[in-house]
Amino acid sequence: MRTASVLTVARRLMPWMLVAVAAAATFANTLANGHVWDDYDILVDDPRARDLGRLPEVLLSPDLKPPYYRPLPRALFVIEQAVLGPGPLAGHAVSVAFHVAASLLLFALARVLLRREGAALAAALLWAVHPMGSEAVGFISVRTTPMAVTFVLATLLLTWRGLRAGGGAWPWLAGLAFLAALGCKEQAAMALPLAAVLV
């Protein structure tokens, strides 16, 4: 009896583990990368990027590259560098972690929308390993994209859960996820029409 339940749990977790491992393994080589392109302006050469005392300034000021305002990734950069130091390893690891999270959330959302685990798994695996994610995951200052995608997918999944549950805390959580997505990248506004389609 106990063996059967362990096998059942393992069968349920297998697709999730497959998606996570595929996403992490595909971009694990980025962990050895250094800083590139805008990383120097945003992380290496900006003194605010390493000073926790300047976190409110980072949260309330526009990006160094106008007209952008992406406070959540910038705040995360500050926290990472203040806590873990200026080396690129932690930044790359966090970028890969957001890609893994987005891949898992896509799998979860595709399962409820497609109602076919095989199709959902195929979609999530394609997303997890597709080379289009190389730039967004491969250099730290473009982490805005995997962060925004993660929070947009969370918004949609939480909206779906709220519809199924008839309210409760789900709409509030969806709203918070949407605000977090907007705090990462302005294109996250696309979550509103997509959520409207779900509704």
Protein backbone atom coordinates (compact mmCIF):
# COMPACT_ATOMS: atom_id res chain seq x y z
CA MET A 1 0.00 0.00 0.00
CA ARG A 2 2.76 2.43 0.95
CA THR A 3 4.74 1.63 -2.22
CA ALA A 4 1.69 2.28 -4.39
CA SER A 5 1.16 5.71 -2.83
CA VAL A 6 4.86 6.60 -3.31
CA LEU A 7 4.63 5.60 -6.96
CA THR A 8 1.45 7.67 -7.37
CA VAL A 9 3.15 10.74 -5.89
CA ALA A 10 6.24 10.15 -8.04
CA ARG A 11 4.05 9.89 -11.16
CA ARG A 12 2.33 13.17 -10.28
CA LEU A 13 5.61 14.98 -9.62
CA MET A 14 7.46 13.61 -12.66
CA PRO A 15 6.16 16.17 -15.22
CA TRP A 16 6.89 19.04 -12.83
CA MET A 17 10.41 17.78 -12.22
CA LEU A 18 10.93 17.25 -15.94
CA VAL A 19 9.98 20.87 -16.71
CA ALA A 20 12.14 22.25 -13.89
CA VAL A 21 15.17 20.15 -14.83
CA ALA A 22 14.80 20.96 -18.54
CA ALA A 23 14.64 24.71 -17.87
CA ALA A 24 17.52 24.69 -15.38
CA ALA A 25 19.75 22.40 -17.44
CA THR A 26 19.20 24.36 -20.64
CA PHE A 27 20.45 27.59 -19.10
CA ALA A 28 22.85 26.24 -16.46
CA ASN A 29 25.77 27.21 -18.69
CA THR A 30 24.91 30.89 -18.06
CA LEU A 31 26.09 30.51 -14.46
CA ALA A 32 29.68 30.78 -15.69
CA ASN A 33 28.98 34.00 -17.61
CA GLY A 34 30.29 37.36 -16.54
CA HIS A 35 28.59 40.72 -16.88
CA VAL A 36 27.69 41.85 -20.41
CA TRP A 37 26.27 44.92 -22.16
CA ASP A 38 23.84 46.85 -19.92
CA ASP A 39 24.98 44.87 -16.87
CA TYR A 40 27.89 47.29 -16.60
CA ASP A 41 25.70 50.42 -16.56
CA ILE A 42 23.00 48.96 -14.33
CA LEU A 43 24.98 46.73 -11.96
CA VAL A 44 28.72 47.20 -12.08
CA ASP A 45 29.20 50.96 -12.52
CA ASP A 46 26.12 52.27 -10.67
CA PRO A 47 26.98 52.81 -6.98
CA ARG A 48 23.28 52.55 -6.06
CA ALA A 49 23.30 48.92 -7.20
CA ARG A 50 25.30 47.81 -4.15
CA ASP A 51 23.98 50.08 -1.42
CA LEU A 52 20.97 48.81 0.55
CA GLY A 53 20.62 52.28 2.06
CA ARG A 54 19.74 53.59 -1.40
CA LEU A 55 17.03 51.00 -1.99
CA PRO A 56 14.18 53.58 -1.58
CA GLU A 57 15.87 55.77 -4.19
CA VAL A 58 16.14 52.81 -6.57
CA LEU A 59 12.47 51.93 -6.03
CA LEU A 60 11.23 55.47 -6.62
CA SER A 61 13.45 56.68 -9.46
CA PRO A 62 13.34 55.86 -13.16
CA ASP A 63 15.88 53.50 -14.63
CA LEU A 64 19.23 54.73 -15.88
CA LYS A 65 18.00 54.02 -19.39
CA PRO A 66 14.94 56.32 -19.75
CA PRO A 67 12.00 56.09 -20.16
CA TYR A 68 11.87 52.79 -18.26
CA TYR A 69 10.66 52.34 -14.71
CA ARG A 70 11.26 48.77 -13.56
CA PRO A 71 11.68 48.97 -9.78
CA LEU A 72 11.38 45.30 -8.79
CA PRO A 73 14.28 43.95 -10.85
CA ARG A 74 16.44 46.91 -9.83
CA ALA A 75 15.59 46.41 -6.16
CA LEU A 76 16.43 42.73 -6.47
CA PHE A 77 19.77 43.64 -8.07
CA VAL A 78 20.55 45.89 -5.09
CA ILE A 79 19.64 43.21 -2.54
CA GLU A 80 21.63 40.52 -4.38
CA GLN A 81 24.75 42.64 -4.68
CA ALA A 82 24.56 43.94 -1.11
CA VAL A 83 24.09 40.46 0.33
CA LEU A 84 26.07 38.25 -2.07
CA GLY A 85 28.64 40.66 -3.48
CA PRO A 86 29.23 42.13 -6.92
CA GLY A 87 30.11 38.88 -8.72
CA PRO A 88 27.78 37.75 -11.51
CA LEU A 89 27.12 34.17 -10.28
CA ALA A 90 24.21 35.06 -7.96
CA GLY A 91 22.62 37.26 -10.60
CA HIS A 92 22.75 34.51 -13.19
CA ALA A 93 21.41 31.95 -10.70
CA VAL A 94 18.43 34.17 -9.89
CA SER A 95 17.74 34.69 -13.59
CA VAL A 96 17.72 30.92 -14.17
CA ALA A 97 15.44 30.49 -11.14
CA PHE A 98 12.91 32.93 -12.62
CA HIS A 99 13.01 31.05 -15.92
CA VAL A 100 12.36 27.78 -14.08
CA ALA A 101 9.47 29.41 -12.18
CA ALA A 102 7.95 30.76 -15.40
CA SER A 103 8.23 27.32 -17.02
CA LEU A 104 6.45 25.66 -14.08
CA LEU A 105 3.72 28.31 -14.02
CA LEU A 106 3.20 27.87 -17.76
CA PHE A 107 2.80 24.13 -17.21
CA ALA A 108 0.27 24.76 -14.42
CA LEU A 109 -1.74 27.23 -16.50
CA ALA A 110 -1.61 25.06 -19.63
CA ARG A 111 -2.88 22.08 -17.63
CA VAL A 112 -6.01 23.91 -16.53
CA LEU A 113 -6.65 25.57 -19.89
CA LEU A 114 -5.83 22.67 -22.22
CA ARG A 115 -7.07 19.95 -19.86
CA ARG A 116 -4.50 17.59 -21.33
CA GLU A 117 -1.36 16.98 -19.37
CA GLY A 118 0.61 15.81 -22.41
CA ALA A 119 -0.13 18.99 -24.37
CA ALA A 120 0.59 21.14 -21.32
CA LEU A 121 3.87 19.33 -20.76
CA ALA A 122 4.88 19.78 -24.39
CA ALA A 123 4.11 23.53 -24.23
CA ALA A 124 6.05 23.98 -20.98
CA LEU A 125 9.04 21.97 -22.23
CA LEU A 126 9.14 23.94 -25.46
CA TRP A 127 9.14 27.17 -23.44
CA ALA A 128 11.75 25.81 -21.02
CA VAL A 129 14.33 24.89 -23.67
CA HIS A 130 13.59 27.33 -26.49
CA PRO A 131 16.60 29.44 -27.51
CA MET A 132 14.47 32.61 -27.56
CA GLY A 133 15.04 32.75 -23.80
CA SER A 134 18.81 32.90 -24.19
CA GLU A 135 19.16 36.67 -24.02
CA ALA A 136 16.62 37.17 -21.24
CA VAL A 137 18.16 34.47 -19.07
CA GLY A 138 21.75 34.86 -20.25
CA PHE A 139 22.51 38.35 -19.05
CA ILE A 140 21.47 39.72 -15.74
CA SER A 141 20.07 43.16 -16.52
CA VAL A 142 17.51 41.68 -18.93
CA ARG A 143 16.05 39.61 -16.10
CA THR A 144 13.12 42.01 -16.33
CA THR A 145 11.61 39.69 -18.95
CA PRO A 146 11.65 36.36 -17.06
CA MET A 147 10.47 38.20 -13.94
CA ALA A 148 7.58 39.83 -15.81
CA VAL A 149 6.62 36.55 -17.50
CA THR A 150 6.64 34.77 -14.13
CA PHE A 151 4.30 37.33 -12.58
CA VAL A 152 2.03 37.53 -15.66
CA LEU A 153 1.59 33.75 -15.62
CA ALA A 154 0.95 33.90 -11.86
CA THR A 155 -1.68 36.59 -12.50
CA LEU A 156 -3.46 34.41 -15.03
CA LEU A 157 -3.27 31.27 -12.92
CA LEU A 158 -4.53 33.11 -9.81
CA THR A 159 -7.34 34.68 -11.86
CA TRP A 160 -8.34 31.21 -13.04
CA ARG A 161 -8.26 29.86 -9.49
CA GLY A 162 -10.37 32.80 -8.33
CA LEU A 163 -12.98 32.09 -10.98
CA ARG A 164 -13.12 28.43 -10.00
CA ALA A 165 -13.25 29.18 -6.27
CA GLY A 166 -15.77 31.99 -6.59
CA GLY A 167 -13.56 34.72 -5.14
CA GLY A 168 -11.93 34.65 -1.75
CA ALA A 169 -8.32 35.80 -1.59
CA TRP A 170 -7.56 34.69 -5.17
CA PRO A 171 -8.52 37.99 -6.89
CA TRP A 172 -6.40 39.94 -4.41
CA LEU A 173 -3.45 37.64 -5.02
CA ALA A 174 -3.97 37.99 -8.78
CA GLY A 175 -3.96 41.77 -8.38
CA LEU A 176 -0.72 41.68 -6.40
CA ALA A 177 0.89 39.43 -9.01
CA PHE A 178 -0.23 41.85 -11.73
CA LEU A 179 1.28 44.82 -9.89
CA ALA A 180 4.51 42.85 -9.46
CA ALA A 181 4.51 42.09 -13.20
CA LEU A 182 4.07 45.78 -14.02
CA GLY A 183 6.92 46.57 -11.62
CA CYS A 184 9.16 44.35 -13.73
CA LYS A 185 8.31 45.41 -17.25
CA GLU A 186 5.64 47.62 -18.82
CA GLN A 187 4.69 44.96 -21.40
CA ALA A 188 3.17 43.02 -18.50
CA ALA A 189 0.05 45.13 -19.04
CA MET A 190 -0.89 42.40 -21.55
CA ALA A 191 -2.01 40.37 -18.54
CA LEU A 192 -5.22 42.45 -18.36
CA PRO A 193 -6.69 41.45 -21.74
CA LEU A 194 -5.53 37.87 -21.21
CA ALA A 195 -7.23 37.77 -17.79
CA ALA A 196 -10.35 39.27 -19.39
CA VAL A 197 -10.41 36.37 -21.84
CA LEU A 198 -10.28 33.95 -18.89
CA VAL A 199 -13.13 35.79 -17.16
